[in-house]
PDB file of N, CA and C in Angstrom:
ATOM      1  N   MET A   1     -84.943 -22.675 -16.314  1.00  0.00           N
ATOM      2  CA  MET A   1     -84.637 -21.098 -15.449  1.00  0.00           C
ATOM      3  C   MET A   1     -83.141 -21.328 -15.252  1.00  0.00           C
ATOM      4  N   HIS A   2     -82.539 -19.986 -14.778  1.00  0.00           N
ATOM      5  CA  HIS A   2     -81.321 -20.020 -14.564  1.00  0.00           C
ATOM      6  C   HIS A   2     -81.480 -19.518 -13.252  1.00  0.00           C
ATOM      7  N   ASP A   3     -80.597 -20.804 -12.269  1.00  0.00           N
ATOM      8  CA  ASP A   3     -80.095 -19.828 -10.787  1.00  0.00           C
ATOM      9  C   ASP A   3     -79.327 -18.953 -11.079  1.00  0.00           C
ATOM     10  N   PHE A   4     -78.843 -18.433  -9.158  1.00  0.00           N
ATOM     11  CA  PHE A   4     -77.816 -17.937  -8.861  1.00  0.00           C
ATOM     12  C   PHE A   4     -76.714 -18.056  -9.731  1.00  0.00           C
ATOM     13  N   GLN A   5     -76.277 -18.850  -9.362  1.00  0.00           N
ATOM     14  CA  GLN A   5     -74.879 -19.507  -9.635  1.00  0.00           C
ATOM     15  C   GLN A   5     -74.601 -18.981 -11.408  1.00  0.00           C
ATOM     16  N   ASN A   6     -75.627 -19.406 -12.458  1.00  0.00           N
ATOM     17  CA  ASN A   6     -75.683 -19.300 -13.991  1.00  0.00           C
ATOM     18  C   ASN A   6     -75.472 -17.858 -14.221  1.00  0.00           C
ATOM     19  N   LEU A   7     -76.409 -16.827 -12.971  1.00  0.00           N
ATOM     20  CA  LEU A   7     -76.712 -15.437 -13.102  1.00  0.00           C
ATOM     21  C   LEU A   7     -75.243 -14.950 -12.925  1.00  0.00           C
ATOM     22  N   SER A   8     -74.613 -15.304 -12.220  1.00  0.00           N
ATOM     23  CA  SER A   8     -73.593 -14.846 -11.739  1.00  0.00           C
ATOM     24  C   SER A   8     -72.582 -14.858 -12.859  1.00  0.00           C
ATOM     25  N   GLN A   9     -72.550 -15.934 -12.893  1.00  0.00           N
ATOM     26  CA  GLN A   9     -71.450 -16.576 -14.456  1.00  0.00           C
ATOM     27  C   GLN A   9     -71.292 -15.185 -15.508  1.00  0.00           C
ATOM     28  N   THR A  10     -72.817 -15.933 -16.195  1.00  0.00           N
ATOM     29  CA  THR A  10     -73.034 -14.717 -17.069  1.00  0.00           C
ATOM     30  C   THR A  10     -72.828 -13.521 -16.925  1.00  0.00           C
ATOM     31  N   GLN A  11     -73.044 -12.780 -15.461  1.00  0.00           N
ATOM     32  CA  GLN A  11     -73.105 -11.220 -15.281  1.00  0.00           C
ATOM     33  C   GLN A  11     -71.512 -11.116 -15.072  1.00  0.00           C
ATOM     34  N   HIS A  12     -70.786 -11.930 -15.011  1.00  0.00           N
ATOM     35  CA  HIS A  12     -68.897 -12.326 -14.890  1.00  0.00           C
ATOM     36  C   HIS A  12     -68.452 -11.970 -16.449  1.00  0.00           C
ATOM     37  N   ASN A  13     -68.878 -12.454 -17.012  1.00  0.00           N
ATOM     38  CA  ASN A  13     -68.745 -13.297 -18.584  1.00  0.00           C
ATOM     39  C   ASN A  13     -68.832 -11.724 -19.531  1.00  0.00           C
ATOM     40  N   THR A  14     -69.804 -11.248 -19.114  1.00  0.00           N
ATOM     41  CA  THR A  14     -70.355 -10.416 -20.446  1.00  0.00           C
ATOM     42  C   THR A  14     -69.714  -8.760 -19.164  1.00  0.00           C
ATOM     43  N   THR A  15     -69.467  -8.650 -18.514  1.00  0.00           N
ATOM     44  CA  THR A  15     -68.255  -7.537 -17.589  1.00  0.00           C
ATOM     45  C   THR A  15     -66.972  -7.682 -18.845  1.00  0.00           C
ATOM     46  N   GLN A  16     -66.997  -8.683 -19.240  1.00  0.00           N
ATOM     47  CA  GLN A  16     -65.413  -8.572 -19.630  1.00  0.00           C
ATOM     48  C   GLN A  16     -65.935  -8.091 -21.313  1.00  0.00           C
ATOM     49  N   TYR A  17     -66.833  -7.866 -21.786  1.00  0.00           N
ATOM     50  CA  TYR A  17     -67.163  -6.807 -23.107  1.00  0.00           C
ATOM     51  C   TYR A  17     -67.880  -5.459 -22.412  1.00  0.00           C
ATOM     52  N   ASN A  18     -68.565  -5.173 -21.469  1.00  0.00           N
ATOM     53  CA  ASN A  18     -69.828  -4.486 -21.087  1.00  0.00           C
ATOM     54  C   ASN A  18     -69.672  -4.477 -20.254  1.00  0.00           C
ATOM     55  N   LYS A  19     -69.323  -3.172 -19.791  1.00  0.00           N
ATOM     56  CA  LYS A  19     -68.875  -2.663 -17.988  1.00  0.00           C
ATOM     57  C   LYS A  19     -70.303  -1.816 -17.417  1.00  0.00           C
ATOM     58  N   ILE A  20     -71.508  -1.965 -17.961  1.00  0.00           N
ATOM     59  CA  ILE A  20     -72.808  -1.617 -17.590  1.00  0.00           C
ATOM     60  C   ILE A  20     -73.386  -3.100 -16.384  1.00  0.00           C
ATOM     61  N   SER A  21     -73.594  -2.143 -15.597  1.00  0.00           N
ATOM     62  CA  SER A  21     -74.420  -3.572 -14.781  1.00  0.00           C
ATOM     63  C   SER A  21     -75.479  -4.223 -15.170  1.00  0.00           C
ATOM     64  N   LEU A  22     -76.017  -5.602 -14.817  1.00  0.00           N
ATOM     65  CA  LEU A  22     -77.256  -6.303 -15.350  1.00  0.00           C
ATOM     66  C   LEU A  22     -78.451  -5.498 -14.466  1.00  0.00           C
ATOM     67  N   PHE A  23     -77.864  -4.975 -13.716  1.00  0.00           N
ATOM     68  CA  PHE A  23     -79.162  -4.283 -12.482  1.00  0.00           C
ATOM     69  C   PHE A  23     -79.189  -2.815 -12.766  1.00  0.00           C
ATOM     70  N   PRO A  24     -79.622  -2.268 -13.942  1.00  0.00           N
ATOM     71  CA  PRO A  24     -80.077  -0.881 -13.870  1.00  0.00           C
ATOM     72  C   PRO A  24     -81.012  -0.450 -13.132  1.00  0.00           C
ATOM     73  N   LYS A  25     -80.722   1.063 -13.295  1.00  0.00           N
ATOM     74  CA  LYS A  25     -81.814   1.708 -12.012  1.00  0.00           C
ATOM     75  C   LYS A  25     -83.195   1.098 -12.574  1.00  0.00           C
ATOM     76  N   ALA A  26     -83.495   1.607 -14.337  1.00  0.00           N
ATOM     77  CA  ALA A  26     -84.468   1.760 -14.611  1.00  0.00           C
ATOM     78  C   ALA A  26     -84.447   1.003 -16.127  1.00  0.00           C
ATOM     79  N   SER A  27     -85.268   0.841 -16.600  1.00  0.00           N
ATOM     80  CA  SER A  27     -85.083  -0.313 -18.105  1.00  0.00           C
ATOM     81  C   SER A  27     -86.694  -0.853 -18.394  1.00  0.00           C
ATOM     82  N   SER A  28     -86.799  -0.791 -19.358  1.00  0.00           N
ATOM     83  CA  SER A  28     -88.334  -1.112 -20.256  1.00  0.00           C
ATOM     84  C   SER A  28     -88.389  -2.391 -19.620  1.00  0.00           C
ATOM     85  N   SER A  29     -87.797  -3.674 -19.884  1.00  0.00           N
ATOM     86  CA  SER A  29     -87.968  -4.775 -19.284  1.00  0.00           C
ATOM     87  C   SER A  29     -88.084  -4.830 -17.696  1.00  0.00           C
ATOM     88  N   MET A  30     -87.667  -4.076 -16.795  1.00  0.00           N
ATOM     89  CA  MET A  30     -87.681  -4.124 -15.556  1.00  0.00           C
ATOM     90  C   MET A  30     -89.102  -3.667 -15.277  1.00  0.00           C
ATOM     91  N   THR A  31     -89.245  -3.774 -13.609  1.00  0.00           N
ATOM     92  CA  THR A  31     -90.471  -3.725 -13.285  1.00  0.00           C
ATOM     93  C   THR A  31     -90.666  -1.870 -12.947  1.00  0.00           C
ATOM     94  N   SER A  32     -91.924  -1.511 -13.113  1.00  0.00           N
ATOM     95  CA  SER A  32     -92.544  -0.199 -12.996  1.00  0.00           C
ATOM     96  C   SER A  32     -91.491   0.773 -11.672  1.00  0.00           C
ATOM     97  N   SER A  33     -90.967  -0.004 -11.006  1.00  0.00           N
ATOM     98  CA  SER A  33     -90.524   1.029  -9.472  1.00  0.00           C
ATOM     99  C   SER A  33     -88.597   0.812 -10.133  1.00  0.00           C
ATOM    100  N   SER A  34     -88.300   1.874  -9.612  1.00  0.00           N
ATOM    101  CA  SER A  34     -86.775   2.360  -9.579  1.00  0.00           C
ATOM    102  C   SER A  34     -86.366   0.965  -8.490  1.00  0.00           C
ATOM    103  N   TRP A  35     -84.987   0.330  -8.760  1.00  0.00           N
ATOM    104  CA  TRP A  35     -84.031   0.018  -8.143  1.00  0.00           C
ATOM    105  C   TRP A  35     -83.142   0.558  -7.695  1.00  0.00           C
ATOM    106  N   SER A  36     -82.325   1.098  -6.203  1.00  0.00           N
ATOM    107  CA  SER A  36     -80.894   2.050  -6.292  1.00  0.00           C
ATOM    108  C   SER A  36     -80.004   0.482  -6.155  1.00  0.00           C
ATOM    109  N   SER A  37     -78.921   0.755  -6.294  1.00  0.00           N
ATOM    110  CA  SER A  37     -77.280  -0.080  -6.192  1.00  0.00           C
ATOM    111  C   SER A  37     -77.724  -0.341  -5.019  1.00  0.00           C
ATOM    112  N   LYS A  38     -78.218  -0.344  -4.034  1.00  0.00           N
ATOM    113  CA  LYS A  38     -77.435  -1.085  -2.861  1.00  0.00           C
ATOM    114  C   LYS A  38     -78.898  -1.766  -2.810  1.00  0.00           C
ATOM    115  N   GLN A  39     -79.709  -1.715  -3.658  1.00  0.00           N
ATOM    116  CA  GLN A  39     -81.048  -2.889  -3.471  1.00  0.00           C
ATOM    117  C   GLN A  39     -80.826  -4.074  -4.669  1.00  0.00           C
ATOM    118  N   ASN A  40     -80.096  -3.605  -5.237  1.00  0.00           N
ATOM    119  CA  ASN A  40     -79.482  -4.623  -6.356  1.00  0.00           C
ATOM    120  C   ASN A  40     -78.473  -5.330  -5.895  1.00  0.00           C
ATOM    121  N   LYS A  41     -77.586  -4.962  -5.071  1.00  0.00           N
ATOM    122  CA  LYS A  41     -76.864  -5.663  -4.050  1.00  0.00           C
ATOM    123  C   LYS A  41     -77.415  -6.457  -3.126  1.00  0.00           C
ATOM    124  N   GLN A  42     -78.493  -6.326  -2.238  1.00  0.00           N
ATOM    125  CA  GLN A  42     -78.854  -6.656  -1.453  1.00  0.00           C
ATOM    126  C   GLN A  42     -79.929  -8.317  -2.456  1.00  0.00           C
ATOM    127  N   PHE A  43     -80.768  -7.521  -3.008  1.00  0.00           N
ATOM    128  CA  PHE A  43     -81.266  -8.784  -3.930  1.00  0.00           C
ATOM    129  C   PHE A  43     -80.473  -9.773  -5.219  1.00  0.00           C
ATOM    130  N   GLU A  44     -78.881  -9.550  -5.264  1.00  0.00           N
ATOM    131  CA  GLU A  44     -78.148 -10.567  -5.667  1.00  0.00           C
ATOM    132  C   GLU A  44     -77.939 -11.321  -4.229  1.00  0.00           C
ATOM    133  N   ALA A  45     -77.385 -10.285  -3.227  1.00  0.00           N
ATOM    134  CA  ALA A  45     -77.333 -11.370  -2.383  1.00  0.00           C
ATOM    135  C   ALA A  45     -78.537 -12.723  -1.722  1.00  0.00           C
ATOM    136  N   ALA A  46     -79.376 -12.051  -1.419  1.00  0.00           N
ATOM    137  CA  ALA A  46     -80.523 -12.741  -1.352  1.00  0.00           C
ATOM    138  C   ALA A  46     -81.041 -14.055  -2.179  1.00  0.00           C
ATOM    139  N   LEU A  47     -80.150 -13.503  -3.307  1.00  0.00           N
ATOM    140  CA  LEU A  47     -80.559 -14.855  -4.297  1.00  0.00           C
ATOM    141  C   LEU A  47     -79.340 -15.779  -3.737  1.00  0.00           C
ATOM    142  N   ALA A  48     -78.292 -15.790  -3.622  1.00  0.00           N
ATOM    143  CA  ALA A  48     -77.381 -16.639  -3.179  1.00  0.00           C
ATOM    144  C   ALA A  48     -77.744 -17.218  -2.527  1.00  0.00           C
ATOM    145  N   LYS A  49     -78.385 -16.570  -0.894  1.00  0.00           N
ATOM    146  CA  LYS A  49     -78.959 -17.255   0.294  1.00  0.00           C
ATOM    147  C   LYS A  49     -80.379 -18.113   0.268  1.00  0.00           C
ATOM    148  N   TYR A  50     -81.084 -17.859  -0.683  1.00  0.00           N
ATOM    149  CA  TYR A  50     -82.702 -18.221  -0.971  1.00  0.00           C
ATOM    150  C   TYR A  50     -82.387 -18.576  -2.189  1.00  0.00           C
ATOM    151  N   ASP A  51     -81.981 -19.977  -2.270  1.00  0.00           N
ATOM    152  CA  ASP A  51     -82.095 -20.686  -3.632  1.00  0.00           C
ATOM    153  C   ASP A  51     -83.701 -21.194  -4.325  1.00  0.00           C
ATOM    154  N   ARG A  52     -83.780 -21.347  -5.610  1.00  0.00           N
ATOM    155  CA  ARG A  52     -85.116 -21.795  -5.849  1.00  0.00           C
ATOM    156  C   ARG A  52     -86.091 -22.931  -5.052  1.00  0.00           C
ATOM    157  N   ASP A  53     -85.386 -23.685  -4.247  1.00  0.00           N
ATOM    158  CA  ASP A  53     -86.053 -24.481  -2.895  1.00  0.00           C
ATOM    159  C   ASP A  53     -86.271 -23.806  -1.906  1.00  0.00           C
ATOM    160  N   ALA A  54     -85.777 -22.823  -1.614  1.00  0.00           N
ATOM    161  CA  ALA A  54     -85.949 -22.297  -0.232  1.00  0.00           C
ATOM    162  C   ALA A  54     -87.800 -21.886   0.175  1.00  0.00           C
ATOM    163  N   PRO A  55     -87.922 -22.330   1.183  1.00  0.00           N
ATOM    164  CA  PRO A  55     -90.116 -21.951   1.290  1.00  0.00           C
ATOM    165  C   PRO A  55     -89.563 -20.335   1.380  1.00  0.00           C
ATOM    166  N   ASP A  56     -91.116 -19.685   0.928  1.00  0.00           N
ATOM    167  CA  ASP A  56     -90.998 -18.678   0.655  1.00  0.00           C
ATOM    168  C   ASP A  56     -89.996 -17.931   0.189  1.00  0.00           C
ATOM    169  N   ARG A  57     -89.204 -18.029  -0.632  1.00  0.00           N
ATOM    170  CA  ARG A  57     -88.264 -17.249  -1.381  1.00  0.00           C
ATOM    171  C   ARG A  57     -88.406 -15.739  -1.470  1.00  0.00           C
ATOM    172  N   TRP A  58     -89.360 -15.764  -2.522  1.00  0.00           N
ATOM    173  CA  TRP A  58     -89.703 -14.252  -2.912  1.00  0.00           C
ATOM    174  C   TRP A  58     -89.968 -13.353  -1.868  1.00  0.00           C
ATOM    175  N   HIS A  59     -90.758 -13.563  -0.391  1.00  0.00           N
ATOM    176  CA  HIS A  59     -91.058 -12.973   0.062  1.00  0.00           C
ATOM    177  C   HIS A  59     -89.711 -12.494   1.090  1.00  0.00           C
ATOM    178  N   ASN A  60     -88.625 -13.771   1.539  1.00  0.00           N
ATOM    179  CA  ASN A  60     -87.584 -13.077   1.866  1.00  0.00           C
ATOM    180  C   ASN A  60     -86.871 -12.831   1.483  1.00  0.00           C
ATOM    181  N   ILE A  61     -86.891 -12.749  -0.241  1.00  0.00           N
ATOM    182  CA  ILE A  61     -85.803 -12.008  -0.604  1.00  0.00           C
ATOM    183  C   ILE A  61     -86.526 -10.020  -0.629  1.00  0.00           C
ATOM    184  N   ALA A  62     -87.941 -10.231  -0.598  1.00  0.00           N
ATOM    185  CA  ALA A  62     -88.119  -8.995  -0.461  1.00  0.00           C
ATOM    186  C   ALA A  62     -87.746  -7.975   0.840  1.00  0.00           C
ATOM    187  N   ARG A  63     -88.154  -9.010   1.387  1.00  0.00           N
ATOM    188  CA  ARG A  63     -87.561  -8.192   2.952  1.00  0.00           C
ATOM    189  C   ARG A  63     -86.348  -8.146   2.542  1.00  0.00           C
ATOM    190  N   ALA A  64     -85.286  -8.856   2.613  1.00  0.00           N
ATOM    191  CA  ALA A  64     -83.855  -8.757   2.476  1.00  0.00           C
ATOM    192  C   ALA A  64     -83.520  -7.441   1.472  1.00  0.00           C
ATOM    193  N   VAL A  65     -84.392  -7.446   0.345  1.00  0.00           N
ATOM    194  CA  VAL A  65     -84.029  -5.907  -0.341  1.00  0.00           C
ATOM    195  C   VAL A  65     -84.272  -4.870   0.559  1.00  0.00           C
ATOM    196  N   GLY A  66     -85.317  -4.641   1.045  1.00  0.00           N
ATOM    197  CA  GLY A  66     -86.351  -3.720   1.533  1.00  0.00           C
ATOM    198  C   GLY A  66     -87.027  -2.912   0.604  1.00  0.00           C
ATOM    199  N   GLY A  67     -86.991  -1.618   1.029  1.00  0.00           N
ATOM    200  CA  GLY A  67     -87.794  -0.714   0.682  1.00  0.00           C
ATOM    201  C   GLY A  67     -88.739  -0.604  -0.079  1.00  0.00           C
ATOM    202  N   GLY A  68     -90.318  -1.606   0.984  1.00  0.00           N
ATOM    203  CA  GLY A  68     -90.862  -1.558   0.714  1.00  0.00           C
ATOM    204  C   GLY A  68     -91.275  -2.720  -0.803  1.00  0.00           C
ATOM    205  N   LYS A  69     -90.375  -3.509  -1.160  1.00  0.00           N
ATOM    206  CA  LYS A  69     -90.444  -4.147  -2.671  1.00  0.00           C
ATOM    207  C   LYS A  69     -91.100  -5.299  -1.649  1.00  0.00           C
ATOM    208  N   SER A  70     -92.550  -5.600  -2.829  1.00  0.00           N
ATOM    209  CA  SER A  70     -92.788  -6.368  -2.053  1.00  0.00           C
ATOM    210  C   SER A  70     -92.666  -8.040  -2.788  1.00  0.00           C
ATOM    211  N   ALA A  71     -92.941  -9.484  -2.782  1.00  0.00           N
ATOM    212  CA  ALA A  71     -92.373 -10.246  -3.179  1.00  0.00           C
ATOM    213  C   ALA A  71     -92.932 -10.316  -4.854  1.00  0.00           C
ATOM    214  N   GLN A  72     -93.798 -10.040  -4.946  1.00  0.00           N
ATOM    215  CA  GLN A  72     -94.101  -9.879  -6.795  1.00  0.00           C
ATOM    216  C   GLN A  72     -93.155  -9.143  -7.139  1.00  0.00           C
ATOM    217  N   GLU A  73     -93.040  -7.736  -6.414  1.00  0.00           N
ATOM    218  CA  GLU A  73     -92.090  -6.657  -7.281  1.00  0.00           C
ATOM    219  C   GLU A  73     -90.468  -7.609  -7.434  1.00  0.00           C
ATOM    220  N   VAL A  74     -90.102  -8.708  -6.226  1.00  0.00           N
ATOM    221  CA  VAL A  74     -88.757  -9.053  -6.816  1.00  0.00           C
ATOM    222  C   VAL A  74     -88.994 -10.052  -7.471  1.00  0.00           C
ATOM    223  N   ARG A  75     -89.980 -10.593  -7.488  1.00  0.00           N
ATOM    224  CA  ARG A  75     -90.559 -11.822  -8.740  1.00  0.00           C
ATOM    225  C   ARG A  75     -90.209 -11.065 -10.686  1.00  0.00           C
ATOM    226  N   ARG A  76     -90.906 -10.273 -10.404  1.00  0.00           N
ATOM    227  CA  ARG A  76     -90.446  -9.768 -11.805  1.00  0.00           C
ATOM    228  C   ARG A  76     -89.415  -8.895 -11.837  1.00  0.00           C
ATOM    229  N   HIS A  77     -88.398  -8.636 -10.844  1.00  0.00           N
ATOM    230  CA  HIS A  77     -87.467  -8.054 -11.405  1.00  0.00           C
ATOM    231  C   HIS A  77     -86.443  -9.263 -11.735  1.00  0.00           C
ATOM    232  N   TYR A  78     -86.519 -10.152 -11.458  1.00  0.00           N
ATOM    233  CA  TYR A  78     -85.803 -11.400 -11.571  1.00  0.00           C
ATOM    234  C   TYR A  78     -86.154 -12.205 -12.800  1.00  0.00           C
ATOM    235  N   GLU A  79     -87.374 -12.103 -13.128  1.00  0.00           N
ATOM    236  CA  GLU A  79     -87.886 -12.895 -14.577  1.00  0.00           C
ATOM    237  C   GLU A  79     -87.224 -11.928 -15.442  1.00  0.00           C
ATOM    238  N   ALA A  80     -87.239 -10.551 -15.004  1.00  0.00           N
ATOM    239  CA  ALA A  80     -86.600  -9.011 -16.427  1.00  0.00           C
ATOM    240  C   ALA A  80     -85.422  -9.646 -16.442  1.00  0.00           C
ATOM    241  N   LEU A  81     -84.760 -10.265 -15.000  1.00  0.00           N
ATOM    242  CA  LEU A  81     -83.070 -10.275 -15.337  1.00  0.00           C
ATOM    243  C   LEU A  81     -82.741 -11.250 -16.338  1.00  0.00           C
ATOM    244  N   GLU A  82     -83.532 -12.622 -15.968  1.00  0.00           N
ATOM    245  CA  GLU A  82     -83.534 -13.713 -16.346  1.00  0.00           C
ATOM    246  C   GLU A  82     -83.589 -13.733 -18.166  1.00  0.00           C
ATOM    247  N   ARG A  83     -84.519 -12.367 -18.742  1.00  0.00           N
ATOM    248  CA  ARG A  83     -85.063 -12.637 -19.800  1.00  0.00           C
ATOM    249  C   ARG A  83     -83.703 -11.630 -20.556  1.00  0.00           C
ATOM    250  N   ASP A  84     -83.182 -10.399 -19.900  1.00  0.00           N
ATOM    251  CA  ASP A  84     -82.367  -9.942 -20.227  1.00  0.00           C
ATOM    252  C   ASP A  84     -80.763 -11.103 -20.689  1.00  0.00           C
ATOM    253  N   ILE A  85     -80.644 -11.462 -20.066  1.00  0.00           N
ATOM    254  CA  ILE A  85     -79.588 -12.683 -19.148  1.00  0.00           C
ATOM    255  C   ILE A  85     -79.675 -13.302 -20.823  1.00  0.00           C
ATOM    256  N   ASN A  86     -80.879 -13.853 -21.163  1.00  0.00           N
ATOM    257  CA  ASN A  86     -81.050 -15.343 -22.062  1.00  0.00           C
ATOM    258  C   ASN A  86     -80.919 -14.281 -23.750  1.00  0.00           C
ATOM    259  N   ASN A  87     -81.460 -13.334 -23.117  1.00  0.00           N
ATOM    260  CA  ASN A  87     -81.253 -11.949 -24.476  1.00  0.00           C
ATOM    261  C   ASN A  87     -79.228 -11.973 -24.915  1.00  0.00           C
ATOM    262  N   ILE A  88     -79.035 -11.716 -23.951  1.00  0.00           N
ATOM    263  CA  ILE A  88     -76.984 -11.526 -23.998  1.00  0.00           C
ATOM    264  C   ILE A  88     -76.649 -12.932 -24.725  1.00  0.00           C
ATOM    265  N   GLU A  89     -77.157 -13.992 -23.477  1.00  0.00           N
ATOM    266  CA  GLU A  89     -76.478 -15.465 -23.735  1.00  0.00           C
ATOM    267  C   GLU A  89     -77.124 -15.956 -25.927  1.00  0.00           C
ATOM    268  N   ASN A  90     -78.082 -15.160 -26.304  1.00  0.00           N
ATOM    269  CA  ASN A  90     -78.563 -15.710 -27.787  1.00  0.00           C
ATOM    270  C   ASN A  90     -77.767 -14.490 -28.275  1.00  0.00           C
ATOM    271  N   ASP A  91     -77.013 -13.539 -28.169  1.00  0.00           N
ATOM    272  CA  ASP A  91     -76.499 -12.276 -28.926  1.00  0.00           C
ATOM    273  C   ASP A  91     -77.667 -11.755 -29.561  1.00  0.00           C
ATOM    274  N   GLN A  92     -78.448 -11.083 -28.874  1.00  0.00           N
ATOM    275  CA  GLN A  92     -79.767 -10.453 -29.182  1.00  0.00           C
ATOM    276  C   GLN A  92     -79.200  -8.712 -28.611  1.00  0.00           C
ATOM    277  N   VAL A  93     -78.311  -9.245 -28.144  1.00  0.00           N
ATOM    278  CA  VAL A  93     -77.986  -7.844 -27.713  1.00  0.00           C
ATOM    279  C   VAL A  93     -77.043  -7.091 -28.071  1.00  0.00           C
ATOM    280  N   PRO A  94     -76.959  -5.937 -28.857  1.00  0.00           N
ATOM    281  CA  PRO A  94     -75.392  -5.780 -29.548  1.00  0.00           C
ATOM    282  C   PRO A  94     -74.456  -5.343 -28.703  1.00  0.00           C
ATOM    283  N   ILE A  95     -72.910  -6.244 -28.684  1.00  0.00           N
ATOM    284  CA  ILE A  95     -71.712  -5.295 -27.836  1.00  0.00           C
ATOM    285  C   ILE A  95     -71.449  -4.132 -28.196  1.00  0.00           C
ATOM    286  N   PRO A  96     -71.539  -3.288 -27.379  1.00  0.00           N
ATOM    287  CA  PRO A  96     -71.348  -1.622 -27.348  1.00  0.00           C
ATOM    288  C   PRO A  96     -70.055  -1.526 -27.887  1.00  0.00           C
ATOM    289  N   ASN A  97     -69.685  -0.596 -29.136  1.00  0.00           N
ATOM    290  CA  ASN A  97     -68.611   0.048 -29.710  1.00  0.00           C
ATOM    291  C   ASN A  97     -67.654   0.971 -28.756  1.00  0.00           C
ATOM    292  N   TYR A  98     -67.444   0.515 -27.466  1.00  0.00           N
ATOM    293  CA  TYR A  98     -66.630   1.239 -26.998  1.00  0.00           C
ATOM    294  C   TYR A  98     -65.238   1.977 -27.641  1.00  0.00           C
ATOM    295  N   ARG A  99     -64.789   3.163 -27.225  1.00  0.00           N
ATOM    296  CA  ARG A  99     -63.350   4.087 -27.612  1.00  0.00           C
ATOM    297  C   ARG A  99     -62.712   3.400 -27.321  1.00  0.00           C
ATOM    298  N   PRO A 100     -61.581   3.505 -27.778  1.00  0.00           N
ATOM    299  CA  PRO A 100     -60.103   2.348 -27.342  1.00  0.00           C
ATOM    300  C   PRO A 100     -59.480   3.865 -26.460  1.00  0.00           C
ATOM    301  N   ASN A 101     -59.114   3.249 -25.017  1.00  0.00           N
ATOM    302  CA  ASN A 101     -58.705   4.148 -23.685  1.00  0.00           C
ATOM    303  C   ASN A 101     -57.069   4.298 -24.675  1.00  0.00           C
ATOM    304  N   ARG A 102     -56.909   5.783 -24.857  1.00  0.00           N
ATOM    305  CA  ARG A 102     -55.461   5.772 -25.170  1.00  0.00           C
ATOM    306  C   ARG A 102     -54.588   5.840 -23.831  1.00  0.00           C
ATOM    307  N   ASN A 103     -55.289   5.789 -22.629  1.00  0.00           N
ATOM    308  CA  ASN A 103     -54.053   5.646 -21.733  1.00  0.00           C
ATOM    309  C   ASN A 103     -53.889   4.612 -21.337  1.00  0.00           C
ATOM    310  N   ALA A 104     -54.503   3.891 -21.670  1.00  0.00           N
ATOM    311  CA  ALA A 104     -54.485   1.618 -21.168  1.00  0.00           C
ATOM    312  C   ALA A 104     -53.112   1.283 -21.657  1.00  0.00           C
ATOM    313  N   ARG A 105     -52.549   1.137 -20.769  1.00  0.00           N
ATOM    314  CA  ARG A 105     -51.214   0.512 -20.801  1.00  0.00           C
ATOM    315  C   ARG A 105     -51.397  -0.850 -21.565  1.00  0.00           C
ATOM    316  N   GLY A 106     -50.813  -1.642 -21.849  1.00  0.00           N
ATOM    317  CA  GLY A 106     -51.033  -3.204 -22.954  1.00  0.00           C
ATOM    318  C   GLY A 106     -49.816  -3.406 -22.904  1.00  0.00           C
TER     319      GLY A 106
END
């Protein structure tokens, strides 16, 4: 399994070619509940604070995220993110074909 440092590095690497968030509000692979941008930021910060060896990790992360998220929801959200990252790392996600920015200076 990935730890947060690996997730963070992969997120950084993928943003070089993909400007969308790894934490979408809704995705077919995500849980059925929606996650706001604020909750995803809180989720990311809580993952950094509560590593895999932390007691009651998922309960603590759920408390940090707020919005009534359960420990089970938080864990499913993490597992879905892991699957998404594995798909990206294994080239199972096509690179978007962005239009060139005509106003960009280079």
